[in-house]
Protein backbone atom coordinates (compact mmCIF):
# COMPACT_ATOMS: atom_id res chain seq x y z
CA MET A 1 -25.65 -11.84 21.58
CA GLU A 2 -23.37 -14.77 21.99
CA ASN A 3 -21.23 -13.46 19.19
CA LYS A 4 -20.72 -10.29 20.85
CA LYS A 5 -20.19 -12.20 24.15
CA ASN A 6 -16.96 -14.31 21.95
CA GLN A 7 -15.73 -11.13 20.48
CA LEU A 8 -15.23 -9.27 23.96
CA THR A 9 -13.61 -12.98 25.21
CA LYS A 10 -11.48 -12.88 22.65
CA ARG A 11 -10.82 -8.73 22.96
CA ALA A 12 -10.01 -9.42 27.13
CA LEU A 13 -7.47 -12.16 25.87
CA LEU A 14 -5.38 -10.29 23.38
CA SER A 15 -5.23 -7.55 25.54
CA THR A 16 -3.73 -9.62 27.70
CA CYS A 17 -1.18 -10.56 25.47
CA TRP A 18 -0.53 -7.54 24.67
CA LYS A 19 0.88 -6.60 28.07
CA ILE A 20 2.99 -9.65 28.17
CA ASN A 21 4.25 -9.11 25.05
CA GLN A 22 5.05 -5.79 26.04
CA PHE A 23 7.01 -6.66 28.82
CA ILE A 24 8.87 -8.92 26.58
CA LEU A 25 9.72 -6.46 23.76
CA GLN A 26 10.63 -4.36 26.59
CA LEU A 27 13.46 -6.50 27.21
CA SER A 28 14.42 -8.04 24.10
CA VAL A 29 14.17 -5.14 21.75
CA ASN A 30 17.24 -3.43 20.90
CA LYS A 31 16.87 0.74 21.39
CA ASN A 32 19.09 1.49 18.55
CA ARG A 33 15.93 -0.03 16.34
CA LYS A 34 13.76 2.04 17.36
CA LEU A 35 12.95 5.80 16.42
CA LEU A 36 12.00 7.85 18.97
CA THR A 37 9.47 10.27 17.24
CA LYS A 38 5.60 11.29 17.97
CA ASP A 39 4.31 9.57 14.73
CA ARG A 40 6.28 6.38 15.91
CA ASN A 41 4.90 6.59 19.01
CA ILE A 42 1.56 7.02 18.24
CA ILE A 43 1.40 3.85 15.70
CA GLU A 44 3.57 1.57 17.83
CA ARG A 45 2.43 2.09 21.40
CA ILE A 46 -1.82 3.04 20.12
CA ILE A 47 -2.68 1.76 16.63
CA PHE A 48 -0.47 -1.67 16.75
CA ARG A 49 -2.71 -2.00 20.10
CA ASN A 50 -6.03 -1.67 18.58
CA ILE A 51 -4.59 -3.52 15.46
CA TYR A 52 -3.48 -6.53 17.66
CA THR A 53 -6.57 -6.74 20.24
CA ASN A 54 -9.19 -6.38 17.28
CA PRO A 55 -10.28 -10.16 16.57
CA ASP A 56 -11.47 -9.49 13.14
CA ILE A 57 -7.98 -8.62 12.18
CA LYS A 58 -5.87 -11.71 11.41
CA LYS A 59 -3.75 -10.51 8.34
CA ILE A 60 -1.25 -7.52 7.58
CA LEU A 61 0.69 -6.59 5.18
CA PHE A 62 3.25 -4.05 6.15
CA VAL A 63 4.54 -1.63 3.12
CA GLY A 64 8.88 -0.40 3.14
CA CYS A 65 11.10 -1.81 5.49
CA HIS A 66 13.88 -0.19 7.06
CA LEU A 67 15.86 -1.30 10.52
CA TYR A 68 13.57 0.81 12.76
CA SER A 69 10.58 -0.78 11.76
CA SER A 70 12.33 -4.62 11.50
CA TRP A 71 10.92 -5.47 14.69
CA TYR A 72 7.67 -4.79 14.09
CA HIS A 73 6.27 -8.20 13.85
CA LYS A 74 7.93 -9.20 16.94
CA ILE A 75 5.03 -6.11 17.76
CA PHE A 76 2.22 -9.10 16.63
CA ASN A 77 3.83 -12.18 18.60
CA LEU A 78 1.41 -13.93 20.77
CA SER A 79 -1.47 -12.38 18.98
CA GLY A 80 -1.94 -15.53 16.71
CA LYS A 81 -1.99 -12.95 13.82
CA GLU A 82 -0.10 -13.17 10.62
CA PHE A 83 2.26 -10.12 9.59
CA HIS A 84 3.76 -10.15 6.69
CA THR A 85 5.87 -7.19 4.54
CA ILE A 86 6.72 -6.08 1.46
CA ASP A 87 9.61 -3.88 -0.08
CA PRO A 88 11.00 -3.52 -3.90
CA ASP A 89 14.52 -3.35 -2.59
CA PRO A 90 16.11 -6.74 -2.36
CA GLU A 91 18.12 -5.55 0.39
CA SER A 92 15.53 -4.62 2.49
CA LYS A 93 14.51 -8.75 2.74
CA LYS A 94 16.99 -8.55 6.02
CA TYR A 95 14.10 -6.08 7.42
CA GLY A 96 11.45 -7.76 6.58
CA SER A 97 9.13 -10.42 8.51
CA PRO A 98 10.06 -13.55 8.63
CA GLN A 99 6.49 -14.84 8.54
CA MET A 100 6.38 -13.65 4.94
CA HIS A 101 8.00 -11.10 3.23
CA ILE A 102 7.59 -10.18 -0.74
CA THR A 103 10.72 -8.20 -2.68
CA GLY A 104 8.64 -6.36 -5.31
CA LYS A 105 6.56 -2.94 -5.87
CA PHE A 106 3.26 -2.65 -3.73
CA GLU A 107 1.26 -1.30 -6.17
CA LEU A 108 2.25 -4.15 -8.78
CA LEU A 109 0.16 -6.70 -6.50
CA LYS A 110 -2.95 -4.92 -8.52
CA ASN A 111 -1.87 -7.59 -11.03
CA GLN A 112 -1.48 -10.41 -9.06
CA PRO A 113 -5.22 -11.98 -8.68
CA LYS A 114 -3.81 -14.45 -6.16
CA MET A 115 -2.83 -11.74 -3.47
CA PHE A 116 -6.91 -10.57 -4.03
CA LYS A 117 -9.23 -10.80 -1.13
CA ASN A 118 -6.14 -11.84 1.11
CA TYR A 119 -6.08 -9.04 3.61
CA ASP A 120 -7.98 -7.78 6.53
CA CYS A 121 -5.45 -4.87 7.35
CA VAL A 122 -2.67 -2.97 5.08
CA ILE A 123 -0.45 -0.34 6.20
CA LEU A 124 1.28 2.00 3.91
CA ASN A 125 3.08 4.42 6.47
CA GLY A 126 5.41 6.96 5.02
CA VAL A 127 5.96 5.31 1.74
CA PHE A 128 3.91 8.00 -0.82
CA GLY A 129 6.61 10.79 -1.34
CA TYR A 130 9.17 7.82 -0.20
CA GLY A 131 9.31 5.31 -2.92
CA ILE A 132 5.22 5.76 -4.77
CA ASN A 133 6.02 8.45 -6.03
CA SER A 134 4.50 9.47 -9.05
CA LEU A 135 0.79 10.61 -9.67
CA ALA A 136 0.07 7.09 -12.14
CA ASP A 137 1.55 4.90 -8.95
CA LYS A 138 -0.02 6.28 -6.20
CA ILE A 139 -3.19 5.32 -7.89
CA SER A 140 -1.94 2.09 -8.47
CA ALA A 141 -1.25 1.57 -5.30
CA LEU A 142 -4.60 2.49 -3.75
CA GLU A 143 -5.76 0.28 -6.74
CA ALA A 144 -3.66 -2.27 -5.18
CA ALA A 145 -4.71 -2.06 -1.39
CA HIS A 146 -8.37 -2.15 -2.57
CA LYS A 147 -8.14 -5.53 -4.40
CA ILE A 148 -5.87 -7.51 -1.80
CA LEU A 149 -7.86 -6.05 0.52
CA LYS A 150 -11.00 -8.41 2.10
CA GLU A 151 -14.25 -6.65 2.03
CA ASN A 152 -14.54 -4.07 5.08
CA ALA A 153 -10.71 -4.69 5.50
CA ILE A 154 -9.14 -1.52 6.60
CA MET A 155 -6.06 0.39 4.51
CA LEU A 156 -3.90 2.99 7.26
CA ILE A 157 -1.81 5.72 5.46
CA GLY A 158 0.77 7.42 7.41
CA PHE A 159 1.75 10.64 5.15
CA ARG A 160 3.63 14.28 5.89
CA ASN A 161 0.55 16.43 5.81
CA GLN A 162 2.08 19.73 4.63
CA SER A 163 1.39 22.34 2.21
CA VAL A 164 2.49 19.87 -0.02
CA PRO A 165 1.05 16.88 1.30
CA ASP A 166 2.90 13.07 0.55
CA ILE A 167 -0.50 12.36 -0.79
CA ASP A 168 -3.75 13.87 -1.86
CA LEU A 169 -6.48 12.58 -0.08
CA ASP A 170 -8.82 13.61 -3.30
CA ILE A 171 -7.33 10.78 -5.67
CA ILE A 172 -8.67 8.34 -2.91
CA ASP A 173 -12.06 6.50 -4.63
CA GLU A 174 -15.17 6.55 -3.01
CA ILE A 175 -16.01 3.39 -4.89
CA TRP A 176 -13.45 1.64 -3.60
CA PHE A 177 -12.87 3.11 -0.06
CA ASP A 178 -15.17 5.06 2.62
CA ALA A 179 -13.31 6.52 5.45
CA HIS A 180 -13.15 5.00 9.17
CA PHE A 181 -11.24 5.89 11.86
CA VAL A 182 -7.89 5.22 12.58
CA PRO A 183 -7.34 2.18 14.66
CA GLY A 184 -7.55 3.86 18.65
CA PHE A 185 -8.90 6.86 18.03
CA ASP A 186 -12.54 8.38 16.85
CA SER A 187 -11.19 10.13 14.14
CA ASN A 188 -10.45 8.98 10.80
CA PHE A 189 -7.52 11.41 10.53
CA VAL A 190 -5.22 12.01 13.76
CA GLU A 191 -2.63 14.44 13.55
CA THR A 192 0.93 13.25 15.33
CA GLY A 193 2.28 16.61 16.65
CA HIS A 194 5.23 16.04 14.37
CA SER A 195 7.73 19.10 13.22
CA ASN A 196 7.22 17.27 9.32
CA GLY A 197 3.10 17.37 10.03
CA HIS A 198 2.95 13.33 10.09
CA SER A 199 -0.45 12.51 9.94
CA PHE A 200 -2.71 9.03 9.92
CA VAL A 201 -5.58 8.54 7.86
CA CYS A 202 -7.71 5.34 7.43
CA PHE A 203 -10.21 3.80 4.81
CA LYS A 204 -12.18 0.70 5.05
CA ASN A 205 -12.59 -1.33 1.81
CA LYS A 206 -15.58 -1.95 -0.08
């Protein structure tokens, strides 16, 4: 009971910090750095908020860096969380997190034991079909996520769910992952309403 009460207190405090930080971001983030699309609205306003206010999520790895995601580390200001980034393009370092940025291929983290069981959340949004392209690389990326995530940590995937989706969800190994609700939603699969079919799906690491 005491532990549950502490969790609720932490969530309430984080919720207050989120509101304060959102006000600061409205004043400080250049609007030219934002993509005003339905999928970005969902991840920035709903998914990130629920990750922010979850006291069990302390360390996050965001895969892929661009101008429009270069301010994402600021979203987690005042939360006490670590927000790291990774991208294979050396030029993308300028868009990465100042806390920690890795220049390299995400899928190769499966070969780096020092990274194993290191993260509470991995976010792969718009990277399948945009850098992680072949079936072998996609499976390697899923293996990397499984290895670097702690037990019961979450993997969030954002992808275009078209006639030929960016990733076939059937390749996600049930030995590695269980279905998990998308943060802020009651389902593990969420359609954003974007014209390109962009959707989010979430899994819990075993």
